[in-house]
Amino acid sequence: MQGLIGKKLGMTSIFDENGRSVACTVIQAGPCVVTHVKNESKDGYSAIQISWGDLKPKHASKAITGHCAKANTAPKKEYHEFRNPEGAEAAAKIGDVFDVNIFNAGDFVDVIGTSKGKGFQGVVKRHGFAGVGETTHGQHNRQRHPGSIGACSFPARVFKGIRMAGRTGGNRVKGVNLQILKVVADQNLLIVKGSIPGYNGSTVIIER
């Protein structure tokens, strides 16, 4: 299996074999149920769909209930596909369950999440402008303003892509090459080195 769906629990730190404190993130991953298997002949590509997180039956639509019933499982909250170029039929079958045991300590994974939303922010917070005192960008008496953003009478417009204030965060972000420091199989926990995108309790996807 290529990955799992899970939940970010929060950050902590552990000591490595050299006695150094290492910042890490705790992820509750799986168990995930295979709810659909796609193949080249019927769907045009090969993929495995997994699901995670129980959903109360009263909150589940008939479509979701029927879809999960084929896998002999309760309705789930989250679904994700992992493409398998070698043929999904050989990798898994509908109803199979995968947990953190598919990973080992020392493996490197990618973690996908939605970054924290910060609302509408200025250029200092959004792009790291220094403001008055260092790089002025054209302004001289407004500490956190962007300063000059255009040229002159030609081209008489602001070029696309100019770094300006705007909505920040809330984006799909992938953290790459994160090392798994520890696998706690009995509690379905992965201890991953470093930080991952998202708030505590947010859904994340762990990929090989």
N, C-alpha and C. Protein backbone atom coordinates (compact mmCIF):
# COMPACT_ATOMS: atom_id res chain seq x y z
N MET A 1 0.84 -1.20 0.00
CA MET A 1 0.00 0.00 0.00
C MET A 1 0.88 1.25 0.00
N GLN A 2 0.45 2.29 -0.71
CA GLN A 2 1.28 3.48 -0.89
C GLN A 2 1.11 4.52 0.20
N GLY A 3 0.08 4.43 1.02
CA GLY A 3 -0.10 5.45 2.04
C GLY A 3 -1.35 5.24 2.86
N LEU A 4 -1.59 6.20 3.77
CA LEU A 4 -2.73 6.13 4.66
C LEU A 4 -3.35 7.52 4.82
N ILE A 5 -4.56 7.55 5.37
CA ILE A 5 -5.21 8.79 5.78
C ILE A 5 -5.17 8.84 7.30
N GLY A 6 -4.94 10.02 7.85
CA GLY A 6 -4.85 10.12 9.29
C GLY A 6 -5.21 11.50 9.80
N LYS A 7 -4.86 11.74 11.06
CA LYS A 7 -5.17 13.00 11.73
C LYS A 7 -3.94 13.50 12.47
N LYS A 8 -3.66 14.78 12.31
CA LYS A 8 -2.57 15.40 13.05
C LYS A 8 -3.00 15.63 14.49
N LEU A 9 -2.25 15.05 15.43
CA LEU A 9 -2.57 15.20 16.84
C LEU A 9 -1.85 16.38 17.48
N GLY A 10 -0.65 16.68 17.01
CA GLY A 10 0.09 17.79 17.58
C GLY A 10 1.59 17.53 17.51
N MET A 11 2.36 18.50 18.03
CA MET A 11 3.81 18.39 18.00
C MET A 11 4.37 18.12 19.40
N THR A 12 5.52 17.48 19.43
CA THR A 12 6.23 17.22 20.68
C THR A 12 7.71 17.07 20.33
N SER A 13 8.48 16.53 21.22
CA SER A 13 9.89 16.27 20.94
C SER A 13 10.31 14.99 21.63
N ILE A 14 11.24 14.28 21.03
CA ILE A 14 11.79 13.06 21.62
C ILE A 14 13.30 13.13 21.53
N PHE A 15 13.97 12.27 22.26
CA PHE A 15 15.43 12.21 22.24
C PHE A 15 15.88 11.09 21.33
N ASP A 16 16.85 11.39 20.46
CA ASP A 16 17.39 10.35 19.59
C ASP A 16 18.47 9.56 20.31
N GLU A 17 19.12 8.65 19.56
CA GLU A 17 20.12 7.78 20.18
C GLU A 17 21.35 8.55 20.64
N ASN A 18 21.54 9.77 20.14
CA ASN A 18 22.68 10.59 20.55
C ASN A 18 22.33 11.56 21.67
N GLY A 19 21.10 11.48 22.18
CA GLY A 19 20.69 12.35 23.27
C GLY A 19 20.23 13.72 22.85
N ARG A 20 20.04 13.93 21.55
CA ARG A 20 19.59 15.22 21.06
C ARG A 20 18.07 15.28 21.02
N SER A 21 17.52 16.42 21.38
CA SER A 21 16.07 16.61 21.33
C SER A 21 15.65 16.90 19.90
N VAL A 22 14.71 16.12 19.38
CA VAL A 22 14.26 16.25 17.99
C VAL A 22 12.78 16.62 17.98
N ALA A 23 12.44 17.72 17.33
CA ALA A 23 11.04 18.12 17.19
C ALA A 23 10.33 17.17 16.24
N CYS A 24 9.11 16.79 16.58
CA CYS A 24 8.39 15.82 15.75
C CYS A 24 6.89 16.06 15.87
N THR A 25 6.16 15.45 14.95
CA THR A 25 4.71 15.55 14.91
C THR A 25 4.10 14.17 15.10
N VAL A 26 3.04 14.09 15.89
CA VAL A 26 2.35 12.83 16.13
C VAL A 26 1.12 12.77 15.22
N ILE A 27 1.04 11.69 14.45
CA ILE A 27 -0.07 11.49 13.52
C ILE A 27 -0.78 10.19 13.86
N GLN A 28 -2.10 10.27 13.98
CA GLN A 28 -2.90 9.05 14.13
C GLN A 28 -3.34 8.63 12.74
N ALA A 29 -2.78 7.53 12.26
CA ALA A 29 -3.00 7.11 10.87
C ALA A 29 -3.68 5.74 10.83
N GLY A 30 -4.78 5.67 10.07
CA GLY A 30 -5.48 4.41 9.91
C GLY A 30 -6.23 4.00 11.17
N PRO A 31 -6.78 2.77 11.18
CA PRO A 31 -6.79 1.84 10.05
C PRO A 31 -7.70 2.33 8.92
N CYS A 32 -7.24 2.08 7.70
CA CYS A 32 -7.96 2.51 6.50
C CYS A 32 -8.50 1.29 5.75
N VAL A 33 -9.71 1.42 5.25
CA VAL A 33 -10.39 0.33 4.55
C VAL A 33 -10.40 0.62 3.06
N VAL A 34 -10.09 -0.39 2.26
CA VAL A 34 -10.17 -0.26 0.81
C VAL A 34 -11.63 -0.34 0.39
N THR A 35 -12.14 0.76 -0.17
CA THR A 35 -13.56 0.82 -0.55
C THR A 35 -13.78 0.73 -2.06
N HIS A 36 -12.71 0.86 -2.83
CA HIS A 36 -12.87 0.77 -4.28
C HIS A 36 -11.52 0.46 -4.92
N VAL A 37 -11.55 -0.35 -5.95
CA VAL A 37 -10.34 -0.68 -6.72
C VAL A 37 -10.62 -0.38 -8.18
N LYS A 38 -9.84 0.52 -8.77
CA LYS A 38 -10.03 0.90 -10.16
C LYS A 38 -8.98 0.20 -11.03
N ASN A 39 -9.38 -0.10 -12.28
CA ASN A 39 -8.47 -0.77 -13.20
C ASN A 39 -8.48 -0.09 -14.56
N GLU A 40 -7.50 -0.44 -15.37
CA GLU A 40 -7.32 0.20 -16.68
C GLU A 40 -8.51 -0.04 -17.60
N SER A 41 -9.02 -1.25 -17.62
CA SER A 41 -10.06 -1.59 -18.58
C SER A 41 -11.38 -0.86 -18.32
N LYS A 42 -11.74 -0.68 -17.05
CA LYS A 42 -13.02 -0.08 -16.73
C LYS A 42 -12.94 1.41 -16.45
N ASP A 43 -11.89 1.85 -15.77
CA ASP A 43 -11.80 3.23 -15.32
C ASP A 43 -10.75 4.05 -16.07
N GLY A 44 -9.91 3.40 -16.85
CA GLY A 44 -8.90 4.12 -17.61
C GLY A 44 -7.59 4.31 -16.88
N TYR A 45 -7.56 3.98 -15.60
CA TYR A 45 -6.32 4.04 -14.83
C TYR A 45 -6.44 3.09 -13.64
N SER A 46 -5.30 2.77 -13.07
CA SER A 46 -5.26 1.83 -11.96
C SER A 46 -5.07 2.58 -10.65
N ALA A 47 -5.96 2.36 -9.68
CA ALA A 47 -5.87 3.08 -8.41
C ALA A 47 -6.61 2.31 -7.32
N ILE A 48 -6.23 2.63 -6.08
CA ILE A 48 -6.88 2.06 -4.90
C ILE A 48 -7.48 3.19 -4.09
N GLN A 49 -8.76 3.10 -3.78
CA GLN A 49 -9.41 4.11 -2.94
C GLN A 49 -9.51 3.58 -1.51
N ILE A 50 -9.00 4.36 -0.56
CA ILE A 50 -9.11 3.99 0.84
C ILE A 50 -9.98 5.01 1.57
N SER A 51 -10.54 4.59 2.70
CA SER A 51 -11.40 5.46 3.49
C SER A 51 -10.95 5.41 4.95
N TRP A 52 -11.31 6.48 5.68
CA TRP A 52 -10.88 6.57 7.09
C TRP A 52 -11.87 7.44 7.87
N GLY A 53 -12.03 7.12 9.16
CA GLY A 53 -12.85 7.93 10.04
C GLY A 53 -14.32 7.56 9.98
N ASP A 54 -14.84 6.97 11.04
CA ASP A 54 -16.24 6.55 11.05
C ASP A 54 -17.17 7.76 11.01
N LEU A 55 -18.24 7.61 10.26
CA LEU A 55 -19.27 8.64 10.12
C LEU A 55 -20.58 8.10 10.67
N LYS A 56 -21.26 8.91 11.46
CA LYS A 56 -22.53 8.45 12.02
C LYS A 56 -23.50 8.14 10.88
N PRO A 57 -24.21 7.02 10.98
CA PRO A 57 -25.14 6.64 9.89
C PRO A 57 -26.15 7.73 9.55
N LYS A 58 -26.61 8.49 10.55
CA LYS A 58 -27.60 9.52 10.28
C LYS A 58 -27.02 10.68 9.46
N HIS A 59 -25.70 10.81 9.43
CA HIS A 59 -25.05 11.87 8.66
C HIS A 59 -24.56 11.38 7.30
N ALA A 60 -24.73 10.11 7.01
CA ALA A 60 -24.24 9.54 5.76
C ALA A 60 -25.36 9.47 4.73
N SER A 61 -25.03 9.85 3.50
CA SER A 61 -26.00 9.74 2.41
C SER A 61 -26.15 8.27 2.02
N LYS A 62 -27.22 7.99 1.27
CA LYS A 62 -27.44 6.62 0.82
C LYS A 62 -26.32 6.16 -0.12
N ALA A 63 -25.77 7.10 -0.88
CA ALA A 63 -24.70 6.75 -1.80
C ALA A 63 -23.45 6.29 -1.03
N ILE A 64 -23.09 7.04 0.02
CA ILE A 64 -21.92 6.67 0.82
C ILE A 64 -22.18 5.37 1.57
N THR A 65 -23.39 5.23 2.12
CA THR A 65 -23.72 4.01 2.86
C THR A 65 -23.62 2.78 1.96
N GLY A 66 -24.18 2.89 0.76
CA GLY A 66 -24.13 1.76 -0.17
C GLY A 66 -22.72 1.48 -0.66
N HIS A 67 -21.94 2.55 -0.88
CA HIS A 67 -20.57 2.39 -1.34
C HIS A 67 -19.73 1.65 -0.30
N CYS A 68 -19.88 2.03 0.97
CA CYS A 68 -19.10 1.39 2.03
C CYS A 68 -19.62 -0.01 2.34
N ALA A 69 -20.90 -0.26 2.10
CA ALA A 69 -21.46 -1.58 2.37
C ALA A 69 -20.81 -2.65 1.49
N LYS A 70 -20.38 -2.25 0.28
CA LYS A 70 -19.69 -3.21 -0.60
C LYS A 70 -18.38 -3.68 0.01
N ALA A 71 -17.79 -2.83 0.85
CA ALA A 71 -16.53 -3.19 1.52
C ALA A 71 -16.79 -3.75 2.91
N ASN A 72 -18.07 -3.93 3.27
CA ASN A 72 -18.46 -4.47 4.57
C ASN A 72 -17.92 -3.62 5.71
N THR A 73 -18.08 -2.30 5.58
CA THR A 73 -17.61 -1.37 6.60
C THR A 73 -18.64 -0.26 6.81
N ALA A 74 -18.53 0.43 7.92
CA ALA A 74 -19.43 1.54 8.22
C ALA A 74 -19.09 2.74 7.34
N PRO A 75 -20.01 3.68 7.16
CA PRO A 75 -19.71 4.88 6.37
C PRO A 75 -18.51 5.64 6.93
N LYS A 76 -17.70 6.17 6.04
CA LYS A 76 -16.47 6.86 6.43
C LYS A 76 -16.53 8.34 6.06
N LYS A 77 -15.66 9.13 6.73
CA LYS A 77 -15.62 10.57 6.50
C LYS A 77 -14.72 10.94 5.33
N GLU A 78 -13.53 10.33 5.26
CA GLU A 78 -12.51 10.75 4.31
C GLU A 78 -12.21 9.63 3.32
N TYR A 79 -11.96 10.03 2.06
CA TYR A 79 -11.62 9.08 1.00
C TYR A 79 -10.44 9.64 0.20
N HIS A 80 -9.58 8.75 -0.24
CA HIS A 80 -8.43 9.19 -1.04
C HIS A 80 -7.99 8.05 -1.94
N GLU A 81 -7.55 8.43 -3.13
CA GLU A 81 -7.05 7.45 -4.09
C GLU A 81 -5.53 7.46 -4.15
N PHE A 82 -4.96 6.28 -4.23
CA PHE A 82 -3.54 6.12 -4.49
C PHE A 82 -3.40 5.37 -5.81
N ARG A 83 -2.79 6.03 -6.76
CA ARG A 83 -2.60 5.39 -8.07
C ARG A 83 -1.54 4.31 -7.98
N ASN A 84 -1.78 3.24 -8.70
CA ASN A 84 -0.86 2.11 -8.70
C ASN A 84 -0.58 1.69 -10.14
N PRO A 85 0.54 2.10 -10.71
CA PRO A 85 0.80 1.80 -12.12
C PRO A 85 1.00 0.31 -12.40
N GLU A 86 1.30 -0.48 -11.38
CA GLU A 86 1.56 -1.90 -11.60
C GLU A 86 0.30 -2.75 -11.56
N GLY A 87 -0.84 -2.13 -11.30
CA GLY A 87 -2.08 -2.88 -11.25
C GLY A 87 -2.64 -2.94 -9.85
N ALA A 88 -3.77 -2.28 -9.64
CA ALA A 88 -4.34 -2.20 -8.31
C ALA A 88 -4.89 -3.54 -7.83
N GLU A 89 -5.35 -4.37 -8.77
CA GLU A 89 -5.96 -5.64 -8.37
C GLU A 89 -4.99 -6.51 -7.61
N ALA A 90 -3.71 -6.44 -7.99
CA ALA A 90 -2.72 -7.27 -7.32
C ALA A 90 -2.32 -6.71 -5.97
N ALA A 91 -2.53 -5.42 -5.75
CA ALA A 91 -2.07 -4.78 -4.52
C ALA A 91 -3.08 -4.90 -3.39
N ALA A 92 -4.37 -4.84 -3.70
CA ALA A 92 -5.38 -4.86 -2.64
C ALA A 92 -6.73 -5.27 -3.22
N LYS A 93 -7.62 -5.67 -2.32
CA LYS A 93 -8.98 -6.03 -2.68
C LYS A 93 -9.94 -5.22 -1.82
N ILE A 94 -11.16 -5.05 -2.31
CA ILE A 94 -12.17 -4.30 -1.57
C ILE A 94 -12.41 -4.97 -0.22
N GLY A 95 -12.36 -4.17 0.83
CA GLY A 95 -12.54 -4.69 2.18
C GLY A 95 -11.24 -4.89 2.94
N ASP A 96 -10.10 -4.84 2.26
CA ASP A 96 -8.82 -4.98 2.95
C ASP A 96 -8.60 -3.79 3.89
N VAL A 97 -7.91 -4.04 4.99
CA VAL A 97 -7.64 -3.01 5.99
C VAL A 97 -6.13 -2.82 6.12
N PHE A 98 -5.70 -1.55 6.10
CA PHE A 98 -4.28 -1.23 6.25
C PHE A 98 -4.10 -0.30 7.45
N ASP A 99 -3.01 -0.50 8.16
CA ASP A 99 -2.72 0.34 9.33
C ASP A 99 -1.27 0.80 9.28
N VAL A 100 -0.77 1.34 10.40
CA VAL A 100 0.57 1.93 10.42
C VAL A 100 1.68 0.90 10.22
N ASN A 101 1.34 -0.38 10.26
CA ASN A 101 2.37 -1.42 10.08
C ASN A 101 2.93 -1.46 8.66
N ILE A 102 2.30 -0.72 7.74
CA ILE A 102 2.88 -0.67 6.39
C ILE A 102 4.13 0.22 6.35
N PHE A 103 4.36 0.98 7.44
CA PHE A 103 5.55 1.83 7.55
C PHE A 103 6.49 1.26 8.60
N ASN A 104 7.76 1.64 8.48
CA ASN A 104 8.77 1.26 9.44
C ASN A 104 9.54 2.49 9.88
N ALA A 105 10.07 2.44 11.09
CA ALA A 105 10.91 3.53 11.57
C ALA A 105 12.10 3.71 10.63
N GLY A 106 12.36 4.95 10.24
CA GLY A 106 13.44 5.23 9.30
C GLY A 106 12.95 5.50 7.89
N ASP A 107 11.70 5.12 7.59
CA ASP A 107 11.14 5.40 6.26
C ASP A 107 10.97 6.91 6.08
N PHE A 108 10.99 7.32 4.81
CA PHE A 108 10.74 8.72 4.47
C PHE A 108 9.40 8.81 3.75
N VAL A 109 8.56 9.76 4.17
CA VAL A 109 7.22 9.90 3.61
C VAL A 109 6.95 11.35 3.26
N ASP A 110 5.90 11.56 2.46
CA ASP A 110 5.36 12.89 2.18
C ASP A 110 4.02 13.01 2.91
N VAL A 111 3.78 14.17 3.50
CA VAL A 111 2.53 14.39 4.23
C VAL A 111 1.80 15.58 3.61
N ILE A 112 0.54 15.36 3.21
CA ILE A 112 -0.27 16.39 2.59
C ILE A 112 -1.33 16.86 3.58
N GLY A 113 -1.45 18.16 3.73
CA GLY A 113 -2.46 18.74 4.61
C GLY A 113 -2.86 20.11 4.13
N THR A 114 -3.82 20.71 4.81
CA THR A 114 -4.26 22.07 4.50
C THR A 114 -3.67 23.01 5.54
N SER A 115 -2.90 23.98 5.08
CA SER A 115 -2.21 24.88 5.99
C SER A 115 -3.22 25.73 6.77
N LYS A 116 -2.78 26.25 7.91
CA LYS A 116 -3.65 27.07 8.74
C LYS A 116 -4.06 28.34 8.00
N GLY A 117 -5.34 28.67 8.02
CA GLY A 117 -5.80 29.90 7.42
C GLY A 117 -5.52 31.10 8.32
N LYS A 118 -4.97 32.15 7.74
CA LYS A 118 -4.60 33.33 8.51
C LYS A 118 -5.41 34.57 8.09
N GLY A 119 -6.36 34.38 7.18
CA GLY A 119 -7.17 35.51 6.77
C GLY A 119 -6.42 36.48 5.87
N PHE A 120 -6.92 37.71 5.78
CA PHE A 120 -6.30 38.74 4.94
C PHE A 120 -5.12 39.33 5.69
N GLN A 121 -3.92 39.24 5.10
CA GLN A 121 -2.70 39.69 5.76
C GLN A 121 -1.94 40.66 4.87
N GLY A 122 -1.14 41.51 5.50
CA GLY A 122 -0.32 42.46 4.77
C GLY A 122 0.96 41.83 4.25
N VAL A 123 1.77 42.63 3.58
CA VAL A 123 2.96 42.10 2.91
C VAL A 123 4.04 41.68 3.89
N VAL A 124 4.08 42.26 5.09
CA VAL A 124 5.11 41.88 6.05
C VAL A 124 4.89 40.44 6.51
N LYS A 125 3.67 40.10 6.86
CA LYS A 125 3.38 38.74 7.32
C LYS A 125 3.30 37.76 6.15
N ARG A 126 2.73 38.21 5.03
CA ARG A 126 2.49 37.30 3.92
C ARG A 126 3.76 37.00 3.13
N HIS A 127 4.60 38.01 2.90
CA HIS A 127 5.77 37.82 2.04
C HIS A 127 7.10 38.11 2.73
N GLY A 128 7.05 38.52 3.99
CA GLY A 128 8.29 38.74 4.70
C GLY A 128 8.97 40.06 4.39
N PHE A 129 8.23 41.07 3.91
CA PHE A 129 8.82 42.38 3.70
C PHE A 129 9.34 42.92 5.04
N ALA A 130 10.42 43.69 4.98
CA ALA A 130 11.04 44.17 6.21
C ALA A 130 10.44 45.49 6.69
N GLY A 131 9.86 46.27 5.82
CA GLY A 131 9.30 47.54 6.23
C GLY A 131 10.37 48.60 6.42
N VAL A 132 10.00 49.73 6.98
CA VAL A 132 10.92 50.84 7.18
C VAL A 132 12.05 50.41 8.11
N GLY A 133 13.27 50.81 7.78
CA GLY A 133 14.43 50.45 8.58
C GLY A 133 15.36 49.52 7.84
N GLU A 134 14.80 48.71 6.92
CA GLU A 134 15.64 47.83 6.10
C GLU A 134 15.26 48.05 4.63
N THR A 135 14.57 47.09 4.03
CA THR A 135 14.17 47.26 2.64
C THR A 135 12.87 48.06 2.58
N THR A 136 12.88 49.22 1.95
CA THR A 136 11.72 50.11 2.02
C THR A 136 10.72 49.89 0.90
N HIS A 137 11.14 49.37 -0.23
CA HIS A 137 10.25 49.16 -1.37
C HIS A 137 9.54 50.45 -1.77
N GLY A 138 10.14 51.59 -1.47
CA GLY A 138 9.56 52.84 -1.93
C GLY A 138 8.87 53.67 -0.89
N GLN A 139 8.47 53.08 0.25
CA GLN A 139 7.79 53.88 1.27
C GLN A 139 8.79 54.38 2.30
N HIS A 140 8.42 55.41 3.04
CA HIS A 140 9.37 55.98 3.98
C HIS A 140 8.75 56.27 5.34
N ASN A 141 7.43 56.30 5.44
CA ASN A 141 6.84 56.66 6.72
C ASN A 141 5.67 55.76 7.12
N ARG A 142 5.54 54.62 6.47
CA ARG A 142 4.46 53.69 6.80
C ARG A 142 5.13 52.32 6.97
N GLN A 143 5.30 51.91 8.21
CA GLN A 143 6.20 50.81 8.50
C GLN A 143 5.83 49.48 7.84
N ARG A 144 4.55 49.19 7.71
CA ARG A 144 4.16 47.86 7.23
C ARG A 144 3.46 47.91 5.87
N HIS A 145 3.61 49.00 5.13
CA HIS A 145 2.97 49.10 3.83
C HIS A 145 3.88 48.56 2.72
N PRO A 146 3.30 48.18 1.59
CA PRO A 146 4.11 47.57 0.53
C PRO A 146 5.01 48.54 -0.20
N GLY A 147 4.65 49.81 -0.26
CA GLY A 147 5.45 50.76 -1.02
C GLY A 147 5.09 50.74 -2.50
N SER A 148 6.04 51.12 -3.34
CA SER A 148 5.79 51.24 -4.77
C SER A 148 5.46 49.89 -5.39
N ILE A 149 4.44 49.85 -6.25
CA ILE A 149 4.04 48.59 -6.88
C ILE A 149 4.02 48.68 -8.40
N GLY A 150 4.26 49.87 -8.97
CA GLY A 150 4.17 50.01 -10.41
C GLY A 150 5.37 50.72 -10.99
N ALA A 151 5.33 50.98 -12.28
CA ALA A 151 6.41 51.68 -12.96
C ALA A 151 6.03 53.16 -13.08
N CYS A 152 5.73 53.64 -14.27
CA CYS A 152 5.34 55.04 -14.47
C CYS A 152 4.26 55.09 -15.54
N SER A 153 4.28 56.08 -16.40
CA SER A 153 3.23 56.19 -17.41
C SER A 153 3.27 55.04 -18.41
N PHE A 154 4.40 54.37 -18.47
CA PHE A 154 4.47 53.12 -19.25
C PHE A 154 5.07 52.05 -18.35
N PRO A 155 4.43 50.94 -18.14
CA PRO A 155 3.25 50.42 -18.84
C PRO A 155 1.92 50.91 -18.26
N ALA A 156 1.94 51.78 -17.24
CA ALA A 156 0.72 52.34 -16.67
C ALA A 156 -0.21 51.28 -16.10
N ARG A 157 0.36 50.23 -15.57
CA ARG A 157 -0.43 49.18 -14.93
C ARG A 157 0.49 48.41 -13.98
N VAL A 158 -0.12 47.62 -13.15
CA VAL A 158 0.64 46.78 -12.22
C VAL A 158 0.79 45.39 -12.84
N PHE A 159 2.01 44.91 -12.91
CA PHE A 159 2.26 43.60 -13.50
C PHE A 159 1.64 42.50 -12.65
N LYS A 160 1.20 41.45 -13.31
CA LYS A 160 0.66 40.29 -12.60
C LYS A 160 1.77 39.64 -11.77
N GLY A 161 1.38 39.14 -10.60
CA GLY A 161 2.34 38.45 -9.76
C GLY A 161 3.06 39.32 -8.77
N ILE A 162 2.77 40.62 -8.75
CA ILE A 162 3.41 41.50 -7.76
C ILE A 162 2.98 41.06 -6.35
N ARG A 163 3.94 40.96 -5.47
CA ARG A 163 3.64 40.52 -4.10
C ARG A 163 2.91 41.63 -3.34
N MET A 164 1.67 41.35 -3.00
CA MET A 164 0.84 42.34 -2.32
C MET A 164 0.07 41.67 -1.19
N ALA A 165 -0.71 42.45 -0.45
CA ALA A 165 -1.52 41.90 0.63
C ALA A 165 -2.60 41.00 0.06
N GLY A 166 -3.08 40.08 0.86
CA GLY A 166 -4.14 39.20 0.41
C GLY A 166 -4.39 38.06 1.38
N ARG A 167 -5.28 37.19 0.97
CA ARG A 167 -5.64 36.05 1.82
C ARG A 167 -4.46 35.09 1.94
N THR A 168 -4.19 34.67 3.15
CA THR A 168 -3.02 33.85 3.43
C THR A 168 -3.42 32.55 4.11
N GLY A 169 -2.76 31.48 3.73
CA GLY A 169 -3.02 30.17 4.34
C GLY A 169 -4.23 29.49 3.73
N GLY A 170 -4.59 28.35 4.32
CA GLY A 170 -5.73 27.59 3.82
C GLY A 170 -5.45 26.90 2.50
N ASN A 171 -4.18 26.61 2.22
CA ASN A 171 -3.80 25.98 0.96
C ASN A 171 -3.40 24.52 1.18
N ARG A 172 -3.54 23.74 0.13
CA ARG A 172 -3.08 22.36 0.15
C ARG A 172 -1.55 22.36 0.05
N VAL A 173 -0.90 21.82 1.06
CA VAL A 173 0.56 21.86 1.14
C VAL A 173 1.09 20.45 1.36
N LYS A 174 2.20 20.14 0.70
CA LYS A 174 2.83 18.83 0.87
C LYS A 174 4.20 19.02 1.53
N GLY A 175 4.39 18.37 2.66
CA GLY A 175 5.71 18.30 3.29
C GLY A 175 6.42 17.06 2.80
N VAL A 176 7.60 17.21 2.22
CA VAL A 176 8.27 16.10 1.55
C VAL A 176 9.46 15.59 2.35
N ASN A 177 9.76 14.31 2.14
CA ASN A 177 10.94 13.65 2.73
C ASN A 177 10.99 13.82 4.25
N LEU A 178 9.90 13.50 4.91
CA LEU A 178 9.86 13.54 6.37
C LEU A 178 10.14 12.14 6.91
N GLN A 179 11.05 12.05 7.82
CA GLN A 179 11.46 10.74 8.34
C GLN A 179 10.54 10.28 9.46
N ILE A 180 10.17 9.01 9.41
CA ILE A 180 9.40 8.41 10.49
C ILE A 180 10.37 8.00 11.59
N LEU A 181 10.21 8.58 12.76
CA LEU A 181 11.09 8.28 13.87
C LEU A 181 10.63 7.07 14.68
N LYS A 182 9.31 6.89 14.74
CA LYS A 182 8.79 5.80 15.56
C LYS A 182 7.40 5.41 15.09
N VAL A 183 7.10 4.13 15.17
CA VAL A 183 5.76 3.61 14.85
C VAL A 183 5.20 2.96 16.10
N VAL A 184 4.05 3.47 16.57
CA VAL A 184 3.36 2.89 17.73
C VAL A 184 2.14 2.15 17.21
N ALA A 185 2.33 0.86 16.93
CA ALA A 185 1.31 0.10 16.22
C ALA A 185 0.04 -0.09 17.04
N ASP A 186 0.16 -0.30 18.36
CA ASP A 186 -1.04 -0.58 19.15
C ASP A 186 -1.96 0.62 19.28
N GLN A 187 -1.43 1.84 19.03
CA GLN A 187 -2.27 3.04 19.09
C GLN A 187 -2.42 3.71 17.72
N ASN A 188 -1.93 3.07 16.65
CA ASN A 188 -2.00 3.60 15.29
C ASN A 188 -1.36 4.98 15.18
N LEU A 189 -0.19 5.15 15.76
CA LEU A 189 0.50 6.44 15.77
C LEU A 189 1.78 6.37 14.97
N LEU A 190 2.02 7.46 14.24
CA LEU A 190 3.29 7.67 13.55
C LEU A 190 3.95 8.91 14.15
N ILE A 191 5.22 8.79 14.51
CA ILE A 191 5.99 9.93 15.00
C ILE A 191 6.90 10.37 13.85
N VAL A 192 6.61 11.55 13.30
CA VAL A 192 7.31 12.04 12.10
C VAL A 192 8.21 13.20 12.48
N LYS A 193 9.41 13.21 11.97
CA LYS A 193 10.36 14.28 12.28
C LYS A 193 9.91 15.59 11.64
N GLY A 194 9.97 16.67 12.42
CA GLY A 194 9.64 18.00 11.90
C GLY A 194 8.15 18.30 11.98
N SER A 195 7.76 19.36 11.29
CA SER A 195 6.37 19.82 11.31
C SER A 195 5.67 19.43 10.02
N ILE A 196 4.35 19.40 10.09
CA ILE A 196 3.53 19.13 8.91
C ILE A 196 2.46 20.20 8.83
N PRO A 197 1.90 20.45 7.66
CA PRO A 197 0.88 21.50 7.52
C PRO A 197 -0.42 21.13 8.22
N GLY A 198 -1.13 22.16 8.69
CA GLY A 198 -2.44 21.95 9.26
C GLY A 198 -2.50 22.20 10.76
N TYR A 199 -3.71 22.35 11.26
CA TYR A 199 -3.93 22.54 12.69
C TYR A 199 -4.09 21.18 13.37
N ASN A 200 -4.01 21.17 14.69
CA ASN A 200 -4.20 19.93 15.43
C ASN A 200 -5.62 19.43 15.24
N GLY A 201 -5.74 18.19 14.82
CA GLY A 201 -7.04 17.60 14.54
C GLY A 201 -7.40 17.60 13.07
N SER A 202 -6.58 18.19 12.23
CA SER A 202 -6.88 18.24 10.79
C SER A 202 -6.52 16.92 10.12
N THR A 203 -7.16 16.66 9.01
CA THR A 203 -6.93 15.42 8.26
C THR A 203 -5.69 15.58 7.37
N VAL A 204 -4.85 14.56 7.38
CA VAL A 204 -3.65 14.56 6.55
C VAL A 204 -3.56 13.25 5.78
N ILE A 205 -2.78 13.28 4.71
CA ILE A 205 -2.56 12.10 3.89
C ILE A 205 -1.07 11.80 3.90
N ILE A 206 -0.73 10.56 4.25
CA ILE A 206 0.66 10.15 4.32
C ILE A 206 0.97 9.29 3.10
N GLU A 207 1.96 9.71 2.32
CA GLU A 207 2.35 8.97 1.11
C GLU A 207 3.79 8.53 1.21
N ARG A 208 4.09 7.41 0.56
CA ARG A 208 5.47 6.95 0.49
C ARG A 208 6.26 7.87 -0.45
